[in-house]
């Protein structure tokens, strides 16, 4: 199976992302969309904790706390469903002061948040309310496994220099019509940090994604200028039990090993801050296309205000070879049997 061509690799190294059209065949697209719709239809709402997905990046504006209940934290080897916050009817009895937190807070009560969510009701059918499905589709769903742990992806990983690539955090991002939440500018290595950074995202459009339909917005070249400066990690209580998530500063390496930035130890603070003010390039991506996303590159997506959904399948690859350490503070932790952290090289 072919990997990346020299011109594709050069574009990725220069810009921090690469679009590969026709990565999936029409048959594969149909297989994955059919599987997605089946999963959305068949999951049991009566036993669901109604966990809503948000990283808390927008909570200063929208009063939405970090996601961090057990249902989320223990999803690395499961197929679970996370709702859009805007898919619920307002709860007039909920107290804002007890159900939200700031990004630096360490006192958000997961149980309180659950009680409030249980009082809420979905304002639409569950199939139109889910934010994402994750995080072990690449292990547990045969159609998604087939397009994830493939010989072609192994060759792409070889082209990118991976020695022992591990696939993790696979998910369908639904971007529901009218309510699909915005994702602020971020770097994937903030969420799946290795020392040194190594994450690369595989993002596959299952439906057309373009301007006006919450497509990806990329900041070309930002991976060469912006170090990983923060981390999305588990938060622990006094008894040492995981009780939520939060962003913390990164005190480890900020660039991948071997990059010019890592070798020169240059971090231009003014450039990094200015990056957030620059205009993003919004991609026009046809269904079946693959977008490779460097772990340091800034990218985002807007809220989906259109009447069309924007389904995409994404998984991430990190370096599992000696010399790279997957941080024990990361929100996603492997279970004892290692499931969910799948080897991409099978021999």
C-alpha atoms as a PDB file:
ATOM      1  CA  UNK A   1       0.000   0.000   0.000  1.00  0.00           C
ATOM      2  CA  UNK A   2       1.315   3.476  -0.807  1.00  0.00           C
ATOM      3  CA  UNK A   3       2.224   5.975   1.891  1.00  0.00           C
ATOM      4  CA  UNK A   4       2.623   9.708   1.338  1.00  0.00           C
ATOM      5  CA  UNK A   5       4.319  11.036  -1.768  1.00  0.00           C
ATOM      6  CA  UNK A   6       7.289  13.414  -1.317  1.00  0.00           C
ATOM      7  CA  UNK A   7       5.098  16.378  -2.297  1.00  0.00           C
ATOM      8  CA  UNK A   8       2.376  15.375   0.186  1.00  0.00           C
ATOM      9  CA  UNK A   9       4.911  14.969   2.979  1.00  0.00           C
ATOM     10  CA  UNK A  10       6.464  18.343   2.134  1.00  0.00           C
ATOM     11  CA  UNK A  11       3.039  20.050   2.266  1.00  0.00           C
ATOM     12  CA  UNK A  12       2.277  18.426   5.621  1.00  0.00           C
ATOM     13  CA  UNK A  13       5.613  19.461   7.094  1.00  0.00           C
ATOM     14  CA  UNK A  14       5.183  23.041   5.861  1.00  0.00           C
ATOM     15  CA  UNK A  15       1.526  23.589   6.744  1.00  0.00           C
ATOM     16  CA  UNK A  16       0.793  21.116   9.545  1.00  0.00           C
ATOM     17  CA  UNK A  17      -2.073  19.432   7.723  1.00  0.00           C
ATOM     18  CA  UNK A  18      -2.734  17.577   4.474  1.00  0.00           C
ATOM     19  CA  UNK A  19      -5.963  16.794   2.594  1.00  0.00           C
ATOM     20  CA  UNK A  20      -6.007  13.476   0.711  1.00  0.00           C
ATOM     21  CA  UNK A  21      -9.096  13.250  -1.543  1.00  0.00           C
ATOM     22  CA  UNK A  22     -10.852   9.931  -2.172  1.00  0.00           C
ATOM     23  CA  UNK A  23      -9.224   8.261   0.807  1.00  0.00           C
ATOM     24  CA  UNK A  24     -12.392   6.216   1.362  1.00  0.00           C
ATOM     25  CA  UNK A  25     -14.342   4.530  -1.392  1.00  0.00           C
ATOM     26  CA  UNK A  26     -18.101   5.153  -1.759  1.00  0.00           C
ATOM     27  CA  UNK A  27     -18.676   1.660  -0.344  1.00  0.00           C
ATOM     28  CA  UNK A  28     -16.572   2.451   2.730  1.00  0.00           C
ATOM     29  CA  UNK A  29     -18.373   5.759   3.263  1.00  0.00           C
ATOM     30  CA  UNK A  30     -21.724   4.000   3.119  1.00  0.00           C
ATOM     31  CA  UNK A  31     -20.504   1.338   5.542  1.00  0.00           C
ATOM     32  CA  UNK A  32     -19.387   3.910   8.120  1.00  0.00           C
ATOM     33  CA  UNK A  33     -22.453   6.140   7.824  1.00  0.00           C
ATOM     34  CA  UNK A  34     -24.740   3.105   8.104  1.00  0.00           C
ATOM     35  CA  UNK A  35     -22.849   1.959  11.214  1.00  0.00           C
ATOM     36  CA  UNK A  36     -23.056   5.467  12.694  1.00  0.00           C
ATOM     37  CA  UNK A  37     -26.806   5.673  12.152  1.00  0.00           C
ATOM     38  CA  UNK A  38     -27.277   2.194  13.625  1.00  0.00           C
ATOM     39  CA  UNK A  39     -25.318   3.148  16.735  1.00  0.00           C
ATOM     40  CA  UNK A  40     -27.311   6.366  17.145  1.00  0.00           C
ATOM     41  CA  UNK A  41     -30.601   4.523  16.785  1.00  0.00           C
ATOM     42  CA  UNK A  42     -29.853   1.573  19.051  1.00  0.00           C
ATOM     43  CA  UNK A  43     -28.182   3.012  22.162  1.00  0.00           C
ATOM     44  CA  UNK A  44     -30.329   2.946  25.293  1.00  0.00           C
ATOM     45  CA  UNK A  45     -31.333   6.405  26.440  1.00  0.00           C
ATOM     46  CA  UNK A  46     -33.062   5.166  29.593  1.00  0.00           C
ATOM     47  CA  UNK A  47     -29.770   4.111  31.227  1.00  0.00           C
ATOM     48  CA  UNK A  48     -27.647   6.953  29.851  1.00  0.00           C
ATOM     49  CA  UNK A  49     -26.174   9.512  32.304  1.00  0.00           C
ATOM     50  CA  UNK A  50     -26.871  12.286  29.748  1.00  0.00           C
ATOM     51  CA  UNK A  51     -23.222  13.326  29.727  1.00  0.00           C
ATOM     52  CA  UNK A  52     -22.711  16.476  27.694  1.00  0.00           C
ATOM     53  CA  UNK A  53     -19.441  17.089  25.903  1.00  0.00           C
ATOM     54  CA  UNK A  54     -17.501  20.305  26.406  1.00  0.00           C
ATOM     55  CA  UNK A  55     -13.844  20.944  27.202  1.00  0.00           C
ATOM     56  CA  UNK A  56     -14.784  24.083  29.128  1.00  0.00           C
ATOM     57  CA  UNK A  57     -12.932  26.332  26.680  1.00  0.00           C
ATOM     58  CA  UNK A  58     -16.103  28.345  26.184  1.00  0.00           C
ATOM     59  CA  UNK A  59     -17.374  28.270  29.737  1.00  0.00           C
ATOM     60  CA  UNK A  60     -16.461  31.888  30.536  1.00  0.00           C
ATOM     61  CA  UNK A  61     -18.942  32.825  27.827  1.00  0.00           C
ATOM     62  CA  UNK A  62     -21.488  30.038  28.094  1.00  0.00           C
ATOM     63  CA  UNK A  63     -21.100  28.780  31.672  1.00  0.00           C
ATOM     64  CA  UNK A  64     -20.368  25.202  30.536  1.00  0.00           C
ATOM     65  CA  UNK A  65     -17.962  23.219  32.725  1.00  0.00           C
ATOM     66  CA  UNK A  66     -15.373  20.683  31.630  1.00  0.00           C
ATOM     67  CA  UNK A  67     -16.694  17.212  30.917  1.00  0.00           C
ATOM     68  CA  UNK A  68     -15.257  14.783  33.446  1.00  0.00           C
ATOM     69  CA  UNK A  69     -17.639  12.159  34.792  1.00  0.00           C
ATOM     70  CA  UNK A  70     -16.839   8.435  34.957  1.00  0.00           C
ATOM     71  CA  UNK A  71     -18.813   7.775  31.783  1.00  0.00           C
ATOM     72  CA  UNK A  72     -16.372  10.040  29.908  1.00  0.00           C
ATOM     73  CA  UNK A  73     -13.135   9.191  31.753  1.00  0.00           C
ATOM     74  CA  UNK A  74     -13.602   5.437  31.297  1.00  0.00           C
ATOM     75  CA  UNK A  75     -14.556   5.543  27.614  1.00  0.00           C
ATOM     76  CA  UNK A  76     -11.135   4.750  26.142  1.00  0.00           C
ATOM     77  CA  UNK A  77     -12.071   1.129  25.461  1.00  0.00           C
ATOM     78  CA  UNK A  78     -15.823   1.647  25.027  1.00  0.00           C
ATOM     79  CA  UNK A  79     -18.338   2.985  22.506  1.00  0.00           C
ATOM     80  CA  UNK A  80     -20.205   5.760  24.295  1.00  0.00           C
ATOM     81  CA  UNK A  81     -22.402   8.685  23.381  1.00  0.00           C
ATOM     82  CA  UNK A  82     -21.946  12.328  24.402  1.00  0.00           C
ATOM     83  CA  UNK A  83     -24.618  14.961  23.954  1.00  0.00           C
ATOM     84  CA  UNK A  84     -24.621  18.517  22.649  1.00  0.00           C
ATOM     85  CA  UNK A  85     -25.292  20.927  25.549  1.00  0.00           C
ATOM     86  CA  UNK A  86     -27.738  22.834  23.319  1.00  0.00           C
ATOM     87  CA  UNK A  87     -29.816  19.683  22.779  1.00  0.00           C
ATOM     88  CA  UNK A  88     -31.504  20.035  26.191  1.00  0.00           C
ATOM     89  CA  UNK A  89     -34.421  22.125  27.321  1.00  0.00           C
ATOM     90  CA  UNK A  90     -33.445  24.679  29.987  1.00  0.00           C
ATOM     91  CA  UNK A  91     -33.777  23.506  33.581  1.00  0.00           C
ATOM     92  CA  UNK A  92     -35.451  26.348  35.501  1.00  0.00           C
ATOM     93  CA  UNK A  93     -34.623  24.749  38.867  1.00  0.00           C
ATOM     94  CA  UNK A  94     -30.866  24.412  38.262  1.00  0.00           C
ATOM     95  CA  UNK A  95     -28.532  26.766  40.099  1.00  0.00           C
ATOM     96  CA  UNK A  96     -25.867  28.196  37.829  1.00  0.00           C
ATOM     97  CA  UNK A  97     -23.442  28.587  40.711  1.00  0.00           C
ATOM     98  CA  UNK A  98     -23.471  24.867  41.564  1.00  0.00           C
ATOM     99  CA  UNK A  99     -23.411  23.365  38.087  1.00  0.00           C
ATOM    100  CA  UNK A 100     -20.585  25.310  36.433  1.00  0.00           C
ATOM    101  CA  UNK A 101     -16.960  26.158  37.000  1.00  0.00           C
ATOM    102  CA  UNK A 102     -14.187  28.305  35.616  1.00  0.00           C
ATOM    103  CA  UNK A 103     -11.307  26.818  33.624  1.00  0.00           C
ATOM    104  CA  UNK A 104      -9.045  27.017  36.681  1.00  0.00           C
ATOM    105  CA  UNK A 105     -11.572  25.668  39.168  1.00  0.00           C
ATOM    106  CA  UNK A 106     -10.877  22.475  41.098  1.00  0.00           C
ATOM    107  CA  UNK A 107     -14.224  22.184  42.838  1.00  0.00           C
ATOM    108  CA  UNK A 108     -16.799  21.258  40.176  1.00  0.00           C
ATOM    109  CA  UNK A 109     -19.072  18.535  41.552  1.00  0.00           C
ATOM    110  CA  UNK A 110     -19.652  15.768  39.011  1.00  0.00           C
ATOM    111  CA  UNK A 111     -22.546  14.355  41.048  1.00  0.00           C
ATOM    112  CA  UNK A 112     -24.208  17.769  41.200  1.00  0.00           C
ATOM    113  CA  UNK A 113     -23.814  18.157  37.449  1.00  0.00           C
ATOM    114  CA  UNK A 114     -25.401  14.721  36.970  1.00  0.00           C
ATOM    115  CA  UNK A 115     -28.392  15.576  39.140  1.00  0.00           C
ATOM    116  CA  UNK A 116     -28.999  18.703  37.096  1.00  0.00           C
ATOM    117  CA  UNK A 117     -28.623  16.856  33.818  1.00  0.00           C
ATOM    118  CA  UNK A 118     -31.036  14.147  34.905  1.00  0.00           C
ATOM    119  CA  UNK A 119     -33.671  16.824  35.493  1.00  0.00           C
ATOM    120  CA  UNK A 120     -33.169  18.055  31.940  1.00  0.00           C
ATOM    121  CA  UNK A 121     -34.979  16.704  28.911  1.00  0.00           C
ATOM    122  CA  UNK A 122     -33.765  16.387  25.348  1.00  0.00           C
ATOM    123  CA  UNK A 123     -35.380  18.920  23.062  1.00  0.00           C
ATOM    124  CA  UNK A 124     -35.021  16.678  19.998  1.00  0.00           C
ATOM    125  CA  UNK A 125     -34.701  12.986  19.105  1.00  0.00           C
ATOM    126  CA  UNK A 126     -31.560  11.418  20.550  1.00  0.00           C
ATOM    127  CA  UNK A 127     -30.231  10.705  17.038  1.00  0.00           C
ATOM    128  CA  UNK A 128     -30.120  14.481  16.463  1.00  0.00           C
ATOM    129  CA  UNK A 129     -28.753  15.342  19.912  1.00  0.00           C
ATOM    130  CA  UNK A 130     -25.442  13.468  20.085  1.00  0.00           C
ATOM    131  CA  UNK A 131     -22.243  15.498  19.823  1.00  0.00           C
ATOM    132  CA  UNK A 132     -19.926  12.521  19.331  1.00  0.00           C
ATOM    133  CA  UNK A 133     -19.562   8.749  19.633  1.00  0.00           C
ATOM    134  CA  UNK A 134     -16.301   7.472  21.136  1.00  0.00           C
ATOM    135  CA  UNK A 135     -13.669   6.471  21.967  1.00  0.00           C
ATOM    136  CA  UNK A 136     -12.844   2.915  20.828  1.00  0.00           C
ATOM    137  CA  UNK A 137     -14.655   2.578  17.512  1.00  0.00           C
ATOM    138  CA  UNK A 138     -11.348   1.490  15.977  1.00  0.00           C
ATOM    139  CA  UNK A 139     -11.373  -1.557  18.278  1.00  0.00           C
ATOM    140  CA  UNK A 140     -15.030  -2.448  18.780  1.00  0.00           C
ATOM    141  CA  UNK A 141     -16.823  -1.565  15.534  1.00  0.00           C
ATOM    142  CA  UNK A 142     -15.840  -3.810  12.579  1.00  0.00           C
ATOM    143  CA  UNK A 143     -16.499  -1.157   9.885  1.00  0.00           C
ATOM    144  CA  UNK A 144     -14.463   1.488  11.725  1.00  0.00           C
ATOM    145  CA  UNK A 145     -11.740  -0.999  12.634  1.00  0.00           C
ATOM    146  CA  UNK A 146     -11.354  -1.914   8.961  1.00  0.00           C
ATOM    147  CA  UNK A 147     -10.585   1.685   7.926  1.00  0.00           C
ATOM    148  CA  UNK A 148      -8.466   2.452  11.011  1.00  0.00           C
ATOM    149  CA  UNK A 149      -6.086  -0.462  11.584  1.00  0.00           C
ATOM    150  CA  UNK A 150      -5.281  -0.781   7.900  1.00  0.00           C
ATOM    151  CA  UNK A 151      -2.152  -1.396   5.856  1.00  0.00           C
ATOM    152  CA  UNK A 152      -2.630   1.965   4.151  1.00  0.00           C
ATOM    153  CA  UNK A 153      -2.651   3.845   7.458  1.00  0.00           C
ATOM    154  CA  UNK A 154       0.430   1.922   8.523  1.00  0.00           C
ATOM    155  CA  UNK A 155       2.245   3.137   5.423  1.00  0.00           C
ATOM    156  CA  UNK A 156       1.119   6.721   6.023  1.00  0.00           C
ATOM    157  CA  UNK A 157       2.464   6.438   9.581  1.00  0.00           C
ATOM    158  CA  UNK A 158       5.779   5.145   8.222  1.00  0.00           C
ATOM    159  CA  UNK A 159       5.921   8.145   5.901  1.00  0.00           C
ATOM    160  CA  UNK A 160       5.468  10.410   8.922  1.00  0.00           C
ATOM    161  CA  UNK A 161       8.343   8.709  10.744  1.00  0.00           C
ATOM    162  CA  UNK A 162       6.438   6.684  13.341  1.00  0.00           C
ATOM    163  CA  UNK A 163       8.368   3.765  14.840  1.00  0.00           C
ATOM    164  CA  UNK A 164       5.563   2.084  16.802  1.00  0.00           C
ATOM    165  CA  UNK A 165       2.318   3.995  16.131  1.00  0.00           C
ATOM    166  CA  UNK A 166      -0.632   3.412  18.472  1.00  0.00           C
ATOM    167  CA  UNK A 167      -4.204   4.250  17.487  1.00  0.00           C
ATOM    168  CA  UNK A 168      -6.453   5.755  20.177  1.00  0.00           C
ATOM    169  CA  UNK A 169      -9.353   8.151  20.798  1.00  0.00           C
ATOM    170  CA  UNK A 170     -11.453   7.229  17.769  1.00  0.00           C
ATOM    171  CA  UNK A 171     -14.801   8.973  17.442  1.00  0.00           C
ATOM    172  CA  UNK A 172     -17.540  10.120  15.126  1.00  0.00           C
ATOM    173  CA  UNK A 173     -18.108  13.858  15.395  1.00  0.00           C
ATOM    174  CA  UNK A 174     -21.728  14.488  14.456  1.00  0.00           C
ATOM    175  CA  UNK A 175     -21.982  18.298  14.192  1.00  0.00           C
ATOM    176  CA  UNK A 176     -25.763  18.198  14.348  1.00  0.00           C
ATOM    177  CA  UNK A 177     -27.802  20.657  12.244  1.00  0.00           C
ATOM    178  CA  UNK A 178     -28.332  23.962  13.991  1.00  0.00           C
ATOM    179  CA  UNK A 179     -26.684  22.990  17.291  1.00  0.00           C
ATOM    180  CA  UNK A 180     -23.352  21.311  16.475  1.00  0.00           C
ATOM    181  CA  UNK A 181     -21.065  23.069  18.947  1.00  0.00           C
ATOM    182  CA  UNK A 182     -18.066  25.190  17.992  1.00  0.00           C
ATOM    183  CA  UNK A 183     -14.607  23.860  18.795  1.00  0.00           C
ATOM    184  CA  UNK A 184     -12.228  26.728  19.670  1.00  0.00           C
ATOM    185  CA  UNK A 185      -8.640  26.822  18.324  1.00  0.00           C
ATOM    186  CA  UNK A 186      -6.656  23.996  19.902  1.00  0.00           C
ATOM    187  CA  UNK A 187      -3.813  21.532  19.351  1.00  0.00           C
ATOM    188  CA  UNK A 188      -4.453  17.778  19.483  1.00  0.00           C
ATOM    189  CA  UNK A 189      -1.297  17.229  21.554  1.00  0.00           C
ATOM    190  CA  UNK A 190      -2.962  19.185  24.375  1.00  0.00           C
ATOM    191  CA  UNK A 191      -5.344  16.246  24.831  1.00  0.00           C
ATOM    192  CA  UNK A 192      -3.057  13.270  24.051  1.00  0.00           C
ATOM    193  CA  UNK A 193       0.317  14.458  25.302  1.00  0.00           C
ATOM    194  CA  UNK A 194       3.455  12.386  24.937  1.00  0.00           C
ATOM    195  CA  UNK A 195       6.926  13.415  26.067  1.00  0.00           C
ATOM    196  CA  UNK A 196       8.028  14.567  23.534  1.00  0.00           C
ATOM    197  CA  UNK A 197       4.849  15.420  21.558  1.00  0.00           C
ATOM    198  CA  UNK A 198       3.974  12.956  18.796  1.00  0.00           C
ATOM    199  CA  UNK A 199       0.209  13.035  18.136  1.00  0.00           C
ATOM    200  CA  UNK A 200      -1.178  13.145  14.604  1.00  0.00           C
ATOM    201  CA  UNK A 201      -4.897  13.179  13.824  1.00  0.00           C
ATOM    202  CA  UNK A 202      -6.596  11.224  11.048  1.00  0.00           C
ATOM    203  CA  UNK A 203      -9.833  13.125  10.225  1.00  0.00           C
ATOM    204  CA  UNK A 204     -12.138  11.591   7.609  1.00  0.00           C
ATOM    205  CA  UNK A 205     -15.157  13.397   6.166  1.00  0.00           C
ATOM    206  CA  UNK A 206     -18.196  11.113   6.073  1.00  0.00           C
ATOM    207  CA  UNK A 207     -20.266  13.973   4.630  1.00  0.00           C
ATOM    208  CA  UNK A 208     -19.212  17.033   2.649  1.00  0.00           C
ATOM    209  CA  UNK A 209     -17.767  19.749   4.891  1.00  0.00           C
ATOM    210  CA  UNK A 210     -17.397  23.300   3.662  1.00  0.00           C
ATOM    211  CA  UNK A 211     -17.810  26.938   4.670  1.00  0.00           C
ATOM    212  CA  UNK A 212     -21.195  27.389   6.318  1.00  0.00           C
ATOM    213  CA  UNK A 213     -21.324  23.755   7.442  1.00  0.00           C
ATOM    214  CA  UNK A 214     -18.857  23.854  10.361  1.00  0.00           C
ATOM    215  CA  UNK A 215     -15.875  22.636   8.369  1.00  0.00           C
ATOM    216  CA  UNK A 216     -12.311  22.546   9.692  1.00  0.00           C
ATOM    217  CA  UNK A 217     -10.500  25.850  10.064  1.00  0.00           C
ATOM    218  CA  UNK A 218      -6.711  25.444   9.903  1.00  0.00           C
ATOM    219  CA  UNK A 219      -3.906  27.839  10.862  1.00  0.00           C
ATOM    220  CA  UNK A 220      -1.230  26.820   8.326  1.00  0.00           C
ATOM    221  CA  UNK A 221       2.293  26.653   9.685  1.00  0.00           C
ATOM    222  CA  UNK A 222       1.242  27.241  13.306  1.00  0.00           C
ATOM    223  CA  UNK A 223       2.760  23.865  14.275  1.00  0.00           C
ATOM    224  CA  UNK A 224       6.210  25.309  13.533  1.00  0.00           C
ATOM    225  CA  UNK A 225       5.709  28.359  15.726  1.00  0.00           C
ATOM    226  CA  UNK A 226       3.444  27.321  18.571  1.00  0.00           C
ATOM    227  CA  UNK A 227       4.616  24.998  21.326  1.00  0.00           C
ATOM    228  CA  UNK A 228       2.186  22.854  23.320  1.00  0.00           C
ATOM    229  CA  UNK A 229       1.617  25.201  26.240  1.00  0.00           C
ATOM    230  CA  UNK A 230      -1.306  23.615  28.072  1.00  0.00           C
ATOM    231  CA  UNK A 231      -2.728  20.156  28.755  1.00  0.00           C
ATOM    232  CA  UNK A 232      -6.237  18.695  29.187  1.00  0.00           C
ATOM    233  CA  UNK A 233      -5.797  16.343  32.144  1.00  0.00           C
ATOM    234  CA  UNK A 234      -7.626  14.377  34.816  1.00  0.00           C
ATOM    235  CA  UNK A 235      -8.281  16.146  38.076  1.00  0.00           C
ATOM    236  CA  UNK A 236      -8.006  14.164  41.317  1.00  0.00           C
ATOM    237  CA  UNK A 237      -9.539  14.670  44.747  1.00  0.00           C
ATOM    238  CA  UNK A 238      -7.783  14.379  48.109  1.00  0.00           C
ATOM    239  CA  UNK A 239      -8.314  10.607  48.095  1.00  0.00           C
ATOM    240  CA  UNK A 240      -6.517  10.267  44.766  1.00  0.00           C
ATOM    241  CA  UNK A 241      -9.703   9.513  42.815  1.00  0.00           C
ATOM    242  CA  UNK A 242     -10.319  11.022  39.376  1.00  0.00           C
ATOM    243  CA  UNK A 243     -13.109  13.565  39.771  1.00  0.00           C
ATOM    244  CA  UNK A 244     -13.081  15.626  36.606  1.00  0.00           C
ATOM    245  CA  UNK A 245     -10.864  17.305  34.031  1.00  0.00           C
ATOM    246  CA  UNK A 246      -9.096  20.614  33.677  1.00  0.00           C
ATOM    247  CA  UNK A 247      -6.500  22.490  31.648  1.00  0.00           C
ATOM    248  CA  UNK A 248      -3.053  22.914  33.218  1.00  0.00           C
ATOM    249  CA  UNK A 249       0.184  24.444  31.980  1.00  0.00           C
ATOM    250  CA  UNK A 250       2.608  22.202  30.122  1.00  0.00           C
ATOM    251  CA  UNK A 251       6.026  21.932  31.744  1.00  0.00           C
ATOM    252  CA  UNK A 252       7.335  19.315  29.286  1.00  0.00           C
ATOM    253  CA  UNK A 253       8.693  19.592  25.720  1.00  0.00           C
ATOM    254  CA  UNK A 254       6.537  21.720  23.476  1.00  0.00           C
ATOM    255  CA  UNK A 255       7.641  20.436  20.063  1.00  0.00           C
ATOM    256  CA  UNK A 256       8.142  16.965  18.557  1.00  0.00           C
ATOM    257  CA  UNK A 257      11.607  15.462  18.714  1.00  0.00           C
ATOM    258  CA  UNK A 258      13.807  16.292  15.759  1.00  0.00           C
ATOM    259  CA  UNK A 259      11.899  19.381  14.648  1.00  0.00           C
ATOM    260  CA  UNK A 260      13.859  22.562  14.016  1.00  0.00           C
ATOM    261  CA  UNK A 261      11.863  24.233  16.763  1.00  0.00           C
ATOM    262  CA  UNK A 262      12.823  21.545  19.280  1.00  0.00           C
ATOM    263  CA  UNK A 263      16.474  21.707  18.282  1.00  0.00           C
ATOM    264  CA  UNK A 264      16.716  25.486  18.404  1.00  0.00           C
ATOM    265  CA  UNK A 265      14.557  25.796  21.555  1.00  0.00           C
ATOM    266  CA  UNK A 266      12.749  28.817  20.135  1.00  0.00           C
ATOM    267  CA  UNK A 267       9.339  29.864  21.371  1.00  0.00           C
ATOM    268  CA  UNK A 268       8.251  33.214  19.971  1.00  0.00           C
ATOM    269  CA  UNK A 269       5.613  34.310  22.486  1.00  0.00           C
ATOM    270  CA  UNK A 270       4.441  37.239  20.418  1.00  0.00           C
ATOM    271  CA  UNK A 271       3.991  35.047  17.353  1.00  0.00           C
ATOM    272  CA  UNK A 272       2.082  32.470  19.376  1.00  0.00           C
ATOM    273  CA  UNK A 273      -0.343  35.054  20.713  1.00  0.00           C
ATOM    274  CA  UNK A 274      -0.723  36.602  17.272  1.00  0.00           C
ATOM    275  CA  UNK A 275      -1.598  33.183  15.846  1.00  0.00           C
ATOM    276  CA  UNK A 276      -4.923  33.274  17.654  1.00  0.00           C
ATOM    277  CA  UNK A 277      -5.783  36.562  15.963  1.00  0.00           C
ATOM    278  CA  UNK A 278      -4.932  35.362  12.450  1.00  0.00           C
ATOM    279  CA  UNK A 279      -7.614  34.271  10.028  1.00  0.00           C
ATOM    280  CA  UNK A 280      -8.107  30.531   9.744  1.00  0.00           C
ATOM    281  CA  UNK A 281      -8.226  28.826   6.371  1.00  0.00           C
ATOM    282  CA  UNK A 282     -11.563  27.015   6.165  1.00  0.00           C
ATOM    283  CA  UNK A 283     -11.310  23.831   4.140  1.00  0.00           C
ATOM    284  CA  UNK A 284     -13.739  22.574   1.529  1.00  0.00           C
ATOM    285  CA  UNK A 285     -13.657  18.817   2.069  1.00  0.00           C
ATOM    286  CA  UNK A 286     -15.570  16.239   0.064  1.00  0.00           C
ATOM    287  CA  UNK A 287     -16.930  13.096   1.713  1.00  0.00           C
ATOM    288  CA  UNK A 288     -14.301  10.370   1.729  1.00  0.00           C
ATOM    289  CA  UNK A 289     -11.367  12.766   2.038  1.00  0.00           C
ATOM    290  CA  UNK A 290      -8.736  12.327   4.757  1.00  0.00           C
ATOM    291  CA  UNK A 291      -7.202  15.276   6.580  1.00  0.00           C
ATOM    292  CA  UNK A 292      -3.961  14.578   8.436  1.00  0.00           C
ATOM    293  CA  UNK A 293      -3.523  16.999  11.362  1.00  0.00           C
ATOM    294  CA  UNK A 294      -0.173  17.627  13.069  1.00  0.00           C
ATOM    295  CA  UNK A 295      -0.458  17.521  16.869  1.00  0.00           C
ATOM    296  CA  UNK A 296       0.876  21.070  17.225  1.00  0.00           C
ATOM    297  CA  UNK A 297      -1.117  22.779  14.478  1.00  0.00           C
ATOM    298  CA  UNK A 298      -3.909  25.091  15.616  1.00  0.00           C
ATOM    299  CA  UNK A 299      -7.305  24.229  14.177  1.00  0.00           C
ATOM    300  CA  UNK A 300     -10.955  24.797  14.991  1.00  0.00           C
ATOM    301  CA  UNK A 301     -14.503  24.472  13.715  1.00  0.00           C
ATOM    302  CA  UNK A 302     -17.441  26.840  14.017  1.00  0.00           C
ATOM    303  CA  UNK A 303     -20.903  26.037  15.309  1.00  0.00           C
ATOM    304  CA  UNK A 304     -23.032  24.295  12.719  1.00  0.00           C
ATOM    305  CA  UNK A 305     -25.821  26.773  12.020  1.00  0.00           C
ATOM    306  CA  UNK A 306     -26.742  25.097   8.735  1.00  0.00           C
ATOM    307  CA  UNK A 307     -29.609  22.611   8.209  1.00  0.00           C
ATOM    308  CA  UNK A 308     -27.082  19.907   7.227  1.00  0.00           C
ATOM    309  CA  UNK A 309     -25.180  17.597   9.554  1.00  0.00           C
ATOM    310  CA  UNK A 310     -21.416  17.243   9.164  1.00  0.00           C
ATOM    311  CA  UNK A 311     -20.398  13.721  10.188  1.00  0.00           C
ATOM    312  CA  UNK A 312     -16.680  13.020  10.398  1.00  0.00           C
ATOM    313  CA  UNK A 313     -14.674  10.105  11.738  1.00  0.00           C
ATOM    314  CA  UNK A 314     -11.426  10.862  13.507  1.00  0.00           C
ATOM    315  CA  UNK A 315      -8.793   8.900  15.354  1.00  0.00           C
ATOM    316  CA  UNK A 316      -5.343   9.761  16.635  1.00  0.00           C
ATOM    317  CA  UNK A 317      -1.936   8.179  16.442  1.00  0.00           C
ATOM    318  CA  UNK A 318       0.817   8.585  19.031  1.00  0.00           C
ATOM    319  CA  UNK A 319       4.349   7.204  19.179  1.00  0.00           C
ATOM    320  CA  UNK A 320       4.581   4.104  21.349  1.00  0.00           C
ATOM    321  CA  UNK A 321       8.286   3.382  20.876  1.00  0.00           C
ATOM    322  CA  UNK A 322      10.896   3.611  23.636  1.00  0.00           C
ATOM    323  CA  UNK A 323      11.837   7.227  24.253  1.00  0.00           C
ATOM    324  CA  UNK A 324       8.268   8.547  24.097  1.00  0.00           C
ATOM    325  CA  UNK A 325       6.146   8.541  27.253  1.00  0.00           C
ATOM    326  CA  UNK A 326       2.359   8.771  27.272  1.00  0.00           C
ATOM    327  CA  UNK A 327       1.608  11.036  30.206  1.00  0.00           C
ATOM    328  CA  UNK A 328      -0.289   9.537  33.148  1.00  0.00           C
ATOM    329  CA  UNK A 329      -2.155  12.805  33.688  1.00  0.00           C
ATOM    330  CA  UNK A 330      -3.831  12.733  30.256  1.00  0.00           C
ATOM    331  CA  UNK A 331      -7.623  12.563  30.434  1.00  0.00           C
ATOM    332  CA  UNK A 332      -7.610   9.338  28.395  1.00  0.00           C
ATOM    333  CA  UNK A 333      -5.818   6.482  30.137  1.00  0.00           C
ATOM    334  CA  UNK A 334      -5.398   2.915  28.880  1.00  0.00           C
ATOM    335  CA  UNK A 335      -7.150   0.166  30.842  1.00  0.00           C
ATOM    336  CA  UNK A 336      -5.068  -2.562  32.431  1.00  0.00           C
ATOM    337  CA  UNK A 337      -5.268  -4.767  29.331  1.00  0.00           C
ATOM    338  CA  UNK A 338      -4.171  -1.908  27.069  1.00  0.00           C
ATOM    339  CA  UNK A 339      -7.285  -2.051  24.889  1.00  0.00           C
ATOM    340  CA  UNK A 340      -7.924   1.103  22.965  1.00  0.00           C
ATOM    341  CA  UNK A 341      -4.209   1.781  22.415  1.00  0.00           C
ATOM    342  CA  UNK A 342      -3.954  -0.373  19.294  1.00  0.00           C
ATOM    343  CA  UNK A 343      -0.756  -1.183  17.438  1.00  0.00           C
ATOM    344  CA  UNK A 344      -0.884   0.000  13.829  1.00  0.00           C
ATOM    345  CA  UNK A 345       2.116  -2.042  12.695  1.00  0.00           C
ATOM    346  CA  UNK A 346       0.951  -5.640  12.838  1.00  0.00           C
ATOM    347  CA  UNK A 347       4.297  -7.299  12.133  1.00  0.00           C
END
